[in-house]
Structure formats: C-alpha cells, structure tokens
C-alpha cells in the first residue's frame, strides 16, 4: 500500500515536471539525473511535452515484492490511459496514441532507514535529505551526493489491447438498453390493450407480460450483438499489436535463459531491477549533452546521431544475446527495443530502434540495490562524491572505476 501511494504521488509530480515543475520528490538521484537531462534536451530543441496519465475504472493494481536485505524492491503497477503531446513554440506537433497502458514503477525501500540530515555548504540550512532533491530550499544551491529511501528507481509502460473497464461499462449499457426497451414495449402494449378492451387490468397484464418477454429476449440479442462487436474489435487490436510487437514477444523467450545465467554470478539477481537499470543507462547516454568522460559509457563509437532524440519510450522487452567472462569482468550482450521520438529539420518523427548494447561489471562486486553513481563513497577516505564525470575522488585523488560497483555500457549502436 505504501509503494502504491508513492507510485501515484510520483506520477502526479512526473506530469507536473514536464509542465515546468520540480523534479518528483521520490525520484532517485539517478532517475532525477535522467529527467533533468531530458528537460535540457527538450529546451535545447524548443520542444515542450505534456504527459497525461489518466486513471481508468479497472481493478488492475498490484505490487510484487523482492527482498534483498537491507533492501526491498517493490514493482508496483496499474492500468491507465497514458499519452504524450509534443509542441514547438506552442504549436501542436503530434501526440502518442491514447491507449490503455500498464504502468510499471520500481520503488526501493531500505530497512531501518533513517533520513540523513543535510547541511547546505552555501547557506548552512539543515534539513532532511529529501528536502534537497531540487536544491537547497533556502538558497537554491544544487548538490545530490546523498541517498534517500524510499525512492523510485525507474518506470515504464506496456500497452494493453483491450481495456476491461470499457467492456464492463458496455455491459452495464446492455442491461440499461434492455430495461429501457422492456419499459417502452410494456407501456405501448398496456395503452393498446386498455384502448381496445377498455380494461385497465387487461392492459396491465399484457403490458407487464410483453415487457418481461421483450426485456429478456432484447437483452440477450443486444448482448450477443455487443459481444460480437467487442470480439471483432479485440481481435483486430490483438492482431495489430501482435504484428507491432512480434520482435518483443520473441525476445521475451530469452528472459528465462538470461535470469539463469545471471543467477550463476549473482544469487540475488533481480530481472526487474536490471531492466530498469539498463533502460536508465540508455536514457542517460541518449540525453547527455557531454558524453566525454562519461562514467556510465566507455564505448568508442561516436553517438552524435542521438542528439536529435527528444523522447525514448521502452517497448517492453529486450533480447538476451549471451554473456562471457573476460578475467573477472562479466560481459552481457542484448538488444533493447525502444521507440525514439526525433526532432530534426523542423519535423517530429517516431522510429522503432533496436539498440544493440553490451554491458560489463566486475564479478567480485556484490549487487547493491541502493547504489547511486551520484553518491559514491570513496573506499580510501570515505568521502561522498558524484562520479558521473570523474575517475578520481575529488577529495583524496584515489582512482575510481564504476565497473567495481555497477553496470557500465561499453557498446551501444
């Protein structure tokens, strides 16, 4: 229940963020970094996006727990109508299809966590860490070399081809139309028989009988017609989605093999956590204006072609292509299926992209679900620093390699 409340609050703040509001309060440091990079990219291109997440009348609302002490990872999800609108200089450009989507949100909790007290180095203001998510509330100084829990580490959406709430609403209308038809026929038969026989009793008898019979048969025929319509609509959407997501469905067959391979190296491996991490890495690389000395990316390929991307939507799957161990470093190869929204030469276009990626991580490192590249603790002096663009501790000069603590991308194309 706590995670579901955090999820709903996060989504409301997420919508406000794209309308000029602050970073969502529960966004983790890494997620907040991606959001800020994305906003800078949109501003650079002069693009404004409006995110719409509308609740639907459905009972799909659940949370899956995964414990890895001292952390608990909650994957909480629910169905919504999700839509994005794009504007250039207040001129409407395009919108995504407003379909029913299942929104998945990963929320990380830490057992016995006590919120850290932060003191602003500029004005000295002290308060709980979460208060400083968008900078010091007193002077605006921005710094994020701290961790807080619970926090949202990632989220993505998956389309649904049939909206159950619309079916339930339609069935209610079937009953209403059946009752309405029954009443109409009953009144008509009552008036006719009363006029012909001159007896109110006979009119009532035949009117009620005709109404019940009409209501029963009418509701059945209306229901059969509605069911046929829903069936045709559902099958057409299902076939359209099947054609559109055939590559993703095929990729899903590699999930079990991927989990089994990773469990050999990481006994507490979480597919959902890795999925969110992999997507966050890709988005951060795509929207980074300065990719030089980027700790999360050590590839040699120029990525200038990504500079026109203004949005990245996860299509709900990635294909595992295998893994190898070189020395004490694990290499994982995969294909990440996303949809990119590109703004170039004054035009907004959408493209399906299958990014081939290779991620590496040192095997001797234990997976720390609470790790943040923006709040790294130096193993030599214990100081905390942001390691996104540095390879040495700024306090003592000790070399730092992200590969010892987390996944690093060495190839993306």
Protein backbone atom coordinates (compact mmCIF):
# COMPACT_ATOMS: atom_id res chain seq x y z
CA UNK A 1 0.00 0.00 0.00
CA UNK A 2 2.87 2.40 0.81
CA UNK A 3 4.51 1.75 -2.56
CA UNK A 4 1.21 2.20 -4.41
CA UNK A 5 0.75 5.60 -2.73
CA UNK A 6 4.32 6.61 -3.60
CA UNK A 7 3.73 5.49 -7.20
CA UNK A 8 0.56 7.56 -7.56
CA UNK A 9 2.17 10.63 -5.98
CA UNK A 10 5.22 10.20 -8.20
CA UNK A 11 3.12 10.08 -11.38
CA UNK A 12 1.30 13.28 -10.44
CA UNK A 13 4.64 15.04 -9.85
CA UNK A 14 6.02 13.47 -13.03
CA UNK A 15 3.26 15.16 -15.05
CA UNK A 16 3.95 18.47 -13.30
CA UNK A 17 7.68 18.13 -14.02
CA UNK A 18 7.06 18.19 -17.77
CA UNK A 19 4.82 21.17 -17.27
CA UNK A 20 7.70 23.13 -15.72
CA UNK A 21 7.52 21.77 -12.19
CA UNK A 22 10.34 20.47 -9.98
CA UNK A 23 11.87 17.01 -10.12
CA UNK A 24 9.48 14.49 -8.49
CA UNK A 25 10.18 14.21 -4.77
CA UNK A 26 10.65 10.42 -4.82
CA UNK A 27 12.85 10.25 -7.92
CA UNK A 28 16.16 8.56 -7.07
CA UNK A 29 19.36 10.50 -7.78
CA UNK A 30 19.99 8.51 -10.94
CA UNK A 31 16.41 8.87 -12.16
CA UNK A 32 16.43 12.59 -11.34
CA UNK A 33 19.61 12.96 -13.42
CA UNK A 34 17.88 11.40 -16.44
CA UNK A 35 14.84 13.66 -16.01
CA UNK A 36 16.99 16.79 -15.82
CA UNK A 37 19.00 15.73 -18.89
CA UNK A 38 15.76 15.08 -20.75
CA UNK A 39 14.38 18.51 -19.85
CA UNK A 40 17.59 20.18 -21.07
CA UNK A 41 17.35 18.30 -24.37
CA UNK A 42 13.74 19.39 -24.84
CA UNK A 43 14.59 23.00 -24.01
CA UNK A 44 17.54 22.94 -26.41
CA UNK A 45 15.24 21.78 -29.20
CA UNK A 46 12.46 24.16 -28.19
CA UNK A 47 10.11 21.23 -27.62
CA UNK A 48 7.50 21.08 -24.89
CA UNK A 49 5.87 17.83 -23.86
CA UNK A 50 2.70 17.31 -21.88
CA UNK A 51 2.34 13.95 -20.16
CA UNK A 52 -1.15 12.70 -19.40
CA UNK A 53 -1.76 9.77 -17.06
CA UNK A 54 -5.49 9.31 -16.59
CA UNK A 55 -6.88 6.73 -14.22
CA UNK A 56 -9.34 4.21 -15.62
CA UNK A 57 -12.04 2.24 -13.83
CA UNK A 58 -10.20 -1.05 -13.51
CA UNK A 59 -9.05 -3.39 -10.78
CA UNK A 60 -5.54 -3.92 -12.14
CA UNK A 61 -3.43 -2.53 -9.30
CA UNK A 62 -0.80 -4.75 -7.76
CA UNK A 63 2.65 -4.83 -6.16
CA UNK A 64 5.34 -7.53 -6.35
CA UNK A 65 7.93 -7.59 -3.55
CA UNK A 66 11.54 -8.77 -3.78
CA UNK A 67 13.67 -8.78 -0.65
CA UNK A 68 17.43 -8.42 -0.64
CA UNK A 69 18.43 -7.21 2.78
CA UNK A 70 18.64 -4.47 3.73
CA UNK A 71 16.54 -3.52 0.68
CA UNK A 72 13.07 -4.33 -0.58
CA UNK A 73 12.34 -3.73 -4.25
CA UNK A 74 8.64 -3.22 -5.00
CA UNK A 75 7.48 -3.43 -8.60
CA UNK A 76 4.05 -1.84 -8.47
CA UNK A 77 1.80 -1.46 -11.49
CA UNK A 78 -1.67 -0.37 -12.57
CA UNK A 79 -3.58 0.35 -15.76
CA UNK A 80 -4.02 3.91 -17.02
CA UNK A 81 -4.56 5.91 -20.17
CA UNK A 82 -1.07 7.23 -20.98
CA UNK A 83 -0.48 9.93 -23.59
CA UNK A 84 2.24 12.41 -24.58
CA UNK A 85 1.67 15.60 -26.56
CA UNK A 86 4.51 17.47 -28.31
CA UNK A 87 4.62 21.23 -29.02
CA UNK A 88 7.11 23.53 -30.76
CA UNK A 89 6.79 27.22 -29.90
CA UNK A 90 3.27 26.49 -28.59
CA UNK A 91 2.33 24.92 -31.94
CA UNK A 92 1.00 21.39 -31.67
CA UNK A 93 3.20 18.82 -33.42
CA UNK A 94 1.97 15.34 -32.53
CA UNK A 95 0.64 13.09 -29.80
CA UNK A 96 1.11 9.48 -28.91
CA UNK A 97 -1.82 7.10 -29.18
CA UNK A 98 -4.03 7.34 -26.11
CA UNK A 99 -4.42 3.68 -25.31
CA UNK A 100 -4.73 1.73 -22.12
CA UNK A 101 -1.25 1.11 -20.73
CA UNK A 102 0.08 -0.80 -17.77
CA UNK A 103 2.49 1.46 -15.86
CA UNK A 104 5.29 -0.33 -14.03
CA UNK A 105 7.16 1.51 -11.29
CA UNK A 106 10.17 0.18 -9.33
CA UNK A 107 10.36 1.53 -5.77
CA UNK A 108 13.29 0.80 -3.47
CA UNK A 109 12.94 0.68 0.33
CA UNK A 110 15.74 0.28 2.90
CA UNK A 111 15.16 -1.46 6.21
CA UNK A 112 15.62 0.69 9.33
CA UNK A 113 16.47 3.68 7.14
CA UNK A 114 16.77 6.98 8.97
CA UNK A 115 16.69 10.03 6.73
CA UNK A 116 20.06 11.74 6.62
CA UNK A 117 20.28 15.37 7.73
CA UNK A 118 21.89 17.55 5.05
CA UNK A 119 23.56 20.91 5.59
CA UNK A 120 23.83 23.28 2.64
CA UNK A 121 27.52 24.19 2.06
CA UNK A 122 26.47 27.64 0.84
CA UNK A 123 23.99 28.96 3.39
CA UNK A 124 24.20 26.34 6.14
CA UNK A 125 20.49 25.40 6.06
CA UNK A 126 19.93 21.91 7.52
CA UNK A 127 17.04 19.55 6.87
CA UNK A 128 16.17 16.01 5.77
CA UNK A 129 17.88 14.74 2.61
CA UNK A 130 14.66 14.58 0.59
CA UNK A 131 14.16 18.32 1.10
CA UNK A 132 17.28 18.93 -1.02
CA UNK A 133 16.19 16.86 -4.04
CA UNK A 134 15.66 20.06 -6.05
CA UNK A 135 18.46 22.01 -4.37
CA UNK A 136 18.63 23.89 -1.11
CA UNK A 137 15.14 25.30 -0.38
CA UNK A 138 16.71 28.45 1.09
CA UNK A 139 19.38 29.49 -1.44
CA UNK A 140 18.88 27.12 -4.39
CA UNK A 141 22.36 25.54 -4.24
CA UNK A 142 22.22 22.22 -6.10
CA UNK A 143 24.03 19.13 -4.85
CA UNK A 144 22.94 15.47 -4.75
CA UNK A 145 25.72 13.49 -3.14
CA UNK A 146 23.34 11.76 -0.74
CA UNK A 147 20.89 8.86 -0.78
CA UNK A 148 17.35 8.62 0.50
CA UNK A 149 14.66 5.95 0.69
CA UNK A 150 12.07 5.04 -0.39
CA UNK A 151 12.77 6.18 -3.93
CA UNK A 152 11.56 5.50 -7.47
CA UNK A 153 14.42 3.95 -9.47
CA UNK A 154 12.62 3.54 -12.82
CA UNK A 155 9.28 3.18 -14.56
CA UNK A 156 7.98 2.24 -17.98
CA UNK A 157 4.68 1.42 -19.70
CA UNK A 158 3.34 -1.52 -21.70
CA UNK A 159 0.29 -1.27 -24.00
CA UNK A 160 -2.94 -3.21 -23.43
CA UNK A 161 -5.04 -4.09 -26.47
CA UNK A 162 -8.33 -4.46 -24.54
CA UNK A 163 -9.49 -2.05 -21.87
CA UNK A 164 -11.54 -4.11 -19.43
CA UNK A 165 -13.20 -1.05 -17.90
CA UNK A 166 -14.76 -0.18 -21.26
CA UNK A 167 -16.13 -3.73 -21.54
CA UNK A 168 -17.67 -3.53 -18.06
CA UNK A 169 -19.15 -0.14 -18.91
CA UNK A 170 -20.54 -1.58 -22.15
CA UNK A 171 -22.15 -4.49 -20.32
CA UNK A 172 -23.86 -2.05 -17.97
CA UNK A 173 -25.23 -0.22 -21.02
CA UNK A 174 -26.51 -3.53 -22.44
CA UNK A 175 -28.63 -4.02 -19.31
CA UNK A 176 -29.82 -0.40 -19.42
CA UNK A 177 -30.87 -0.69 -23.08
CA UNK A 178 -32.64 -3.99 -22.32
CA UNK A 179 -34.59 -2.45 -19.45
CA UNK A 180 -35.38 0.65 -21.49
CA UNK A 181 -36.71 -1.44 -24.38
CA UNK A 182 -38.79 -3.55 -21.98
CA UNK A 183 -40.38 -0.45 -20.40
CA UNK A 184 -41.11 1.06 -23.80
CA UNK A 185 -42.84 -2.11 -25.07
CA UNK A 186 -44.72 -2.61 -21.78
CA UNK A 187 -46.16 0.91 -21.90
CA UNK A 188 -47.09 0.55 -25.56
CA UNK A 189 -48.85 -2.80 -25.07
CA UNK A 190 -50.63 -1.51 -21.94
CA UNK A 191 -52.02 1.52 -23.78
CA UNK A 192 -53.05 -0.55 -26.81
CA UNK A 193 -54.89 -3.25 -24.78
CA UNK A 194 -56.53 -0.70 -22.48
CA UNK A 195 -57.80 1.19 -25.53
CA UNK A 196 -59.03 -1.97 -27.28
CA UNK A 197 -60.59 -3.80 -24.31
CA UNK A 198 -61.42 -0.88 -22.09
CA UNK A 199 -59.97 -2.79 -19.12
CA UNK A 200 -57.00 -1.40 -17.17
CA UNK A 201 -56.37 -4.85 -15.66
CA UNK A 202 -56.05 -6.50 -19.06
CA UNK A 203 -53.80 -3.69 -20.21
CA UNK A 204 -51.54 -4.10 -17.19
CA UNK A 205 -51.41 -7.90 -17.56
CA UNK A 206 -50.47 -7.92 -21.22
CA UNK A 207 -48.20 -4.88 -20.80
CA UNK A 208 -46.17 -6.50 -17.99
CA UNK A 209 -46.01 -9.83 -19.86
CA UNK A 210 -44.83 -8.17 -23.07
CA UNK A 211 -42.31 -6.04 -21.15
CA UNK A 212 -40.76 -9.04 -19.37
CA UNK A 213 -40.56 -11.06 -22.58
CA UNK A 214 -39.11 -8.16 -24.54
CA UNK A 215 -36.62 -7.32 -21.80
CA UNK A 216 -35.41 -10.90 -21.59
CA UNK A 217 -35.10 -11.51 -25.36
CA UNK A 218 -33.99 -7.94 -26.10
CA UNK A 219 -31.17 -8.06 -23.55
CA UNK A 220 -29.99 -11.40 -24.97
CA UNK A 221 -29.90 -10.11 -28.55
CA UNK A 222 -28.28 -6.81 -27.57
CA UNK A 223 -25.69 -8.72 -25.53
CA UNK A 224 -24.92 -11.05 -28.45
CA UNK A 225 -24.51 -8.08 -30.77
CA UNK A 226 -22.29 -6.25 -28.31
CA UNK A 227 -20.19 -9.36 -27.70
CA UNK A 228 -19.69 -9.78 -31.44
CA UNK A 229 -18.59 -6.15 -31.74
CA UNK A 230 -16.17 -6.47 -28.79
CA UNK A 231 -14.80 -9.71 -30.20
CA UNK A 232 -14.10 -8.20 -33.61
CA UNK A 233 -12.54 -5.10 -32.03
CA UNK A 234 -10.40 -7.13 -29.64
CA UNK A 235 -9.15 -9.47 -32.33
CA UNK A 236 -8.31 -6.61 -34.69
CA UNK A 237 -6.34 -4.85 -31.93
CA UNK A 238 -4.72 -8.10 -30.90
CA UNK A 239 -3.55 -8.87 -34.45
CA UNK A 240 -2.33 -5.29 -34.92
CA UNK A 241 -0.42 -5.42 -31.65
CA UNK A 242 0.96 -8.88 -32.45
CA UNK A 243 2.40 -7.57 -35.70
CA UNK A 244 3.75 -4.50 -33.93
CA UNK A 245 5.34 -6.40 -31.04
CA UNK A 246 6.38 -9.69 -32.62
CA UNK A 247 10.06 -8.87 -32.09
CA UNK A 248 9.47 -8.11 -28.40
CA UNK A 249 7.46 -11.28 -27.85
CA UNK A 250 10.26 -13.30 -29.43
CA UNK A 251 12.78 -11.51 -27.19
CA UNK A 252 10.76 -12.44 -24.11
CA UNK A 253 11.61 -16.10 -24.73
CA UNK A 254 15.21 -15.26 -23.76
CA UNK A 255 14.21 -13.96 -20.32
CA UNK A 256 14.48 -17.29 -18.53
CA UNK A 257 17.89 -18.07 -20.03
CA UNK A 258 19.11 -14.60 -19.06
CA UNK A 259 17.91 -14.99 -15.46
CA UNK A 260 19.50 -18.42 -15.15
CA UNK A 261 22.83 -17.13 -16.49
CA UNK A 262 22.85 -14.13 -14.15
CA UNK A 263 21.91 -16.20 -11.09
CA UNK A 264 25.14 -18.15 -11.59
CA UNK A 265 27.06 -14.95 -10.85
CA UNK A 266 24.61 -13.00 -8.67
CA UNK A 267 22.49 -15.26 -6.38
CA UNK A 268 20.04 -12.43 -5.61
CA UNK A 269 19.77 -11.20 -9.18
CA UNK A 270 16.54 -9.29 -9.98
CA UNK A 271 15.40 -9.16 -13.61
CA UNK A 272 13.09 -6.19 -12.92
CA UNK A 273 15.86 -4.20 -11.26
CA UNK A 274 18.28 -4.92 -14.13
CA UNK A 275 15.61 -3.98 -16.67
CA UNK A 276 15.13 -0.59 -15.03
CA UNK A 277 18.89 -0.09 -14.70
CA UNK A 278 19.52 -0.94 -18.35
CA UNK A 279 16.81 1.45 -19.52
CA UNK A 280 18.09 4.22 -17.22
CA UNK A 281 21.63 3.80 -18.60
CA UNK A 282 20.42 4.05 -22.18
CA UNK A 283 18.29 7.13 -21.50
CA UNK A 284 21.10 8.87 -19.62
CA UNK A 285 23.52 8.22 -22.51
CA UNK A 286 20.98 9.40 -25.10
CA UNK A 287 20.17 12.67 -23.33
CA UNK A 288 23.66 13.57 -22.06
CA UNK A 289 24.96 16.69 -23.79
CA UNK A 290 28.54 15.90 -22.77
CA UNK A 291 29.48 12.25 -23.27
CA UNK A 292 33.20 12.81 -22.77
CA UNK A 293 34.50 11.10 -19.62
CA UNK A 294 31.02 9.72 -19.02
CA UNK A 295 31.48 7.03 -16.38
CA UNK A 296 28.44 5.00 -17.43
CA UNK A 297 29.62 4.80 -21.08
CA UNK A 298 33.06 3.64 -22.16
CA UNK A 299 32.35 2.91 -25.82
CA UNK A 300 34.40 4.20 -28.73
CA UNK A 301 31.56 4.87 -31.21
CA UNK A 302 30.51 8.49 -31.75
CA UNK A 303 26.94 8.98 -30.61
CA UNK A 304 26.17 12.33 -32.21
CA UNK A 305 23.22 10.79 -34.05
CA UNK A 306 21.43 10.61 -30.69
CA UNK A 307 21.47 14.39 -30.24
CA UNK A 308 18.17 14.82 -32.13
CA UNK A 309 16.27 12.35 -29.95
CA UNK A 310 13.71 14.13 -27.76
CA UNK A 311 11.98 11.11 -26.20
CA UNK A 312 12.68 7.43 -25.58
CA UNK A 313 9.82 5.05 -24.82
CA UNK A 314 10.52 1.49 -23.73
CA UNK A 315 8.58 -1.04 -25.80
CA UNK A 316 8.58 -3.58 -23.00
CA UNK A 317 11.35 -6.01 -23.70
CA UNK A 318 14.96 -6.74 -24.51
CA UNK A 319 16.61 -9.73 -26.16
CA UNK A 320 19.42 -11.50 -24.37
CA UNK A 321 22.12 -12.49 -26.84
CA UNK A 322 24.58 -14.09 -24.47
CA UNK A 323 27.32 -13.36 -21.95
CA UNK A 324 31.02 -14.08 -21.49
CA UNK A 325 33.55 -13.64 -18.71
CA UNK A 326 36.88 -11.99 -19.51
CA UNK A 327 39.18 -12.19 -16.50
CA UNK A 328 36.92 -11.13 -13.64
CA UNK A 329 34.63 -8.98 -15.80
CA UNK A 330 31.20 -10.18 -16.94
CA UNK A 331 30.09 -9.03 -20.43
CA UNK A 332 26.35 -9.09 -21.24
CA UNK A 333 25.09 -8.57 -24.80
CA UNK A 334 21.49 -7.62 -25.51
CA UNK A 335 19.15 -5.79 -27.86
CA UNK A 336 16.98 -3.11 -26.26
CA UNK A 337 13.67 -2.41 -28.03
CA UNK A 338 12.53 1.22 -27.77
CA UNK A 339 10.66 3.88 -29.71
CA UNK A 340 12.55 7.12 -30.30
CA UNK A 341 10.88 10.44 -30.98
CA UNK A 342 13.25 12.54 -33.12
CA UNK A 343 13.10 16.26 -33.90
CA UNK A 344 15.24 17.20 -36.89
CA UNK A 345 14.93 19.85 -39.63
CA UNK A 346 11.72 21.13 -38.06
CA UNK A 347 9.99 17.75 -38.20
CA UNK A 348 8.97 15.39 -35.41
CA UNK A 349 9.16 11.72 -36.34
CA UNK A 350 8.88 8.42 -34.48
CA UNK A 351 11.15 5.46 -35.08
CA UNK A 352 11.41 1.97 -33.66
CA UNK A 353 15.04 1.43 -32.63
CA UNK A 354 16.69 -1.81 -31.67
CA UNK A 355 19.78 -0.72 -29.75
CA UNK A 356 22.49 -3.34 -29.53
CA UNK A 357 24.16 -2.91 -26.16
CA UNK A 358 26.99 -4.53 -24.26
CA UNK A 359 27.22 -4.02 -20.51
CA UNK A 360 30.07 -5.02 -18.22
CA UNK A 361 30.51 -5.47 -14.50
CA UNK A 362 33.24 -6.86 -12.28
CA UNK A 363 32.18 -10.20 -10.84
CA UNK A 364 33.71 -9.70 -7.42
CA UNK A 365 31.31 -6.84 -6.75
CA UNK A 366 28.13 -7.64 -4.85
CA UNK A 367 24.96 -6.08 -6.26
CA UNK A 368 23.98 -3.08 -4.15
CA UNK A 369 20.39 -2.12 -4.99
CA UNK A 370 20.86 1.24 -3.28
CA UNK A 371 23.96 2.23 -5.27
CA UNK A 372 23.90 5.64 -6.96
CA UNK A 373 26.62 6.99 -9.22
CA UNK A 374 25.73 10.45 -7.92
CA UNK A 375 26.55 9.48 -4.33
CA UNK A 376 29.67 7.29 -4.45
CA UNK A 377 31.59 6.62 -1.25
CA UNK A 378 35.38 6.69 -1.69
CA UNK A 379 36.94 3.43 -0.48
CA UNK A 380 40.04 5.34 0.70
CA UNK A 381 38.84 8.46 2.51
CA UNK A 382 35.10 7.72 2.85
CA UNK A 383 34.05 10.99 1.19
CA UNK A 384 30.91 11.09 -0.95
CA UNK A 385 31.06 12.47 -4.49
CA UNK A 386 29.26 12.48 -7.85
CA UNK A 387 31.14 10.06 -10.13
CA UNK A 388 29.22 10.67 -13.38
CA UNK A 389 32.11 12.56 -14.99
CA UNK A 390 35.09 11.87 -12.71
CA UNK A 391 37.55 8.99 -12.45
CA UNK A 392 39.21 10.05 -9.20
CA UNK A 393 37.96 11.01 -5.78
CA UNK A 394 37.97 14.85 -5.73
CA UNK A 395 38.96 14.77 -2.04
CA UNK A 396 41.91 12.37 -1.91
CA UNK A 397 42.64 11.61 -5.58
CA UNK A 398 42.06 7.86 -5.24
CA UNK A 399 41.21 6.30 -8.67
CA UNK A 400 37.60 5.25 -9.07
CA UNK A 401 36.14 2.72 -11.52
CA UNK A 402 32.36 2.41 -11.77
CA UNK A 403 32.71 -1.15 -13.06
CA UNK A 404 33.57 -2.21 -9.49
CA UNK A 405 30.14 -1.14 -8.22
CA UNK A 406 27.68 -1.17 -11.10
CA UNK A 407 27.00 -1.88 -14.77
CA UNK A 408 28.84 0.12 -17.43
CA UNK A 409 27.92 0.31 -21.12
CA UNK A 410 30.87 -0.30 -23.46
CA UNK A 411 28.89 -0.57 -26.68
CA UNK A 412 25.63 0.91 -27.95
CA UNK A 413 24.51 1.21 -31.55
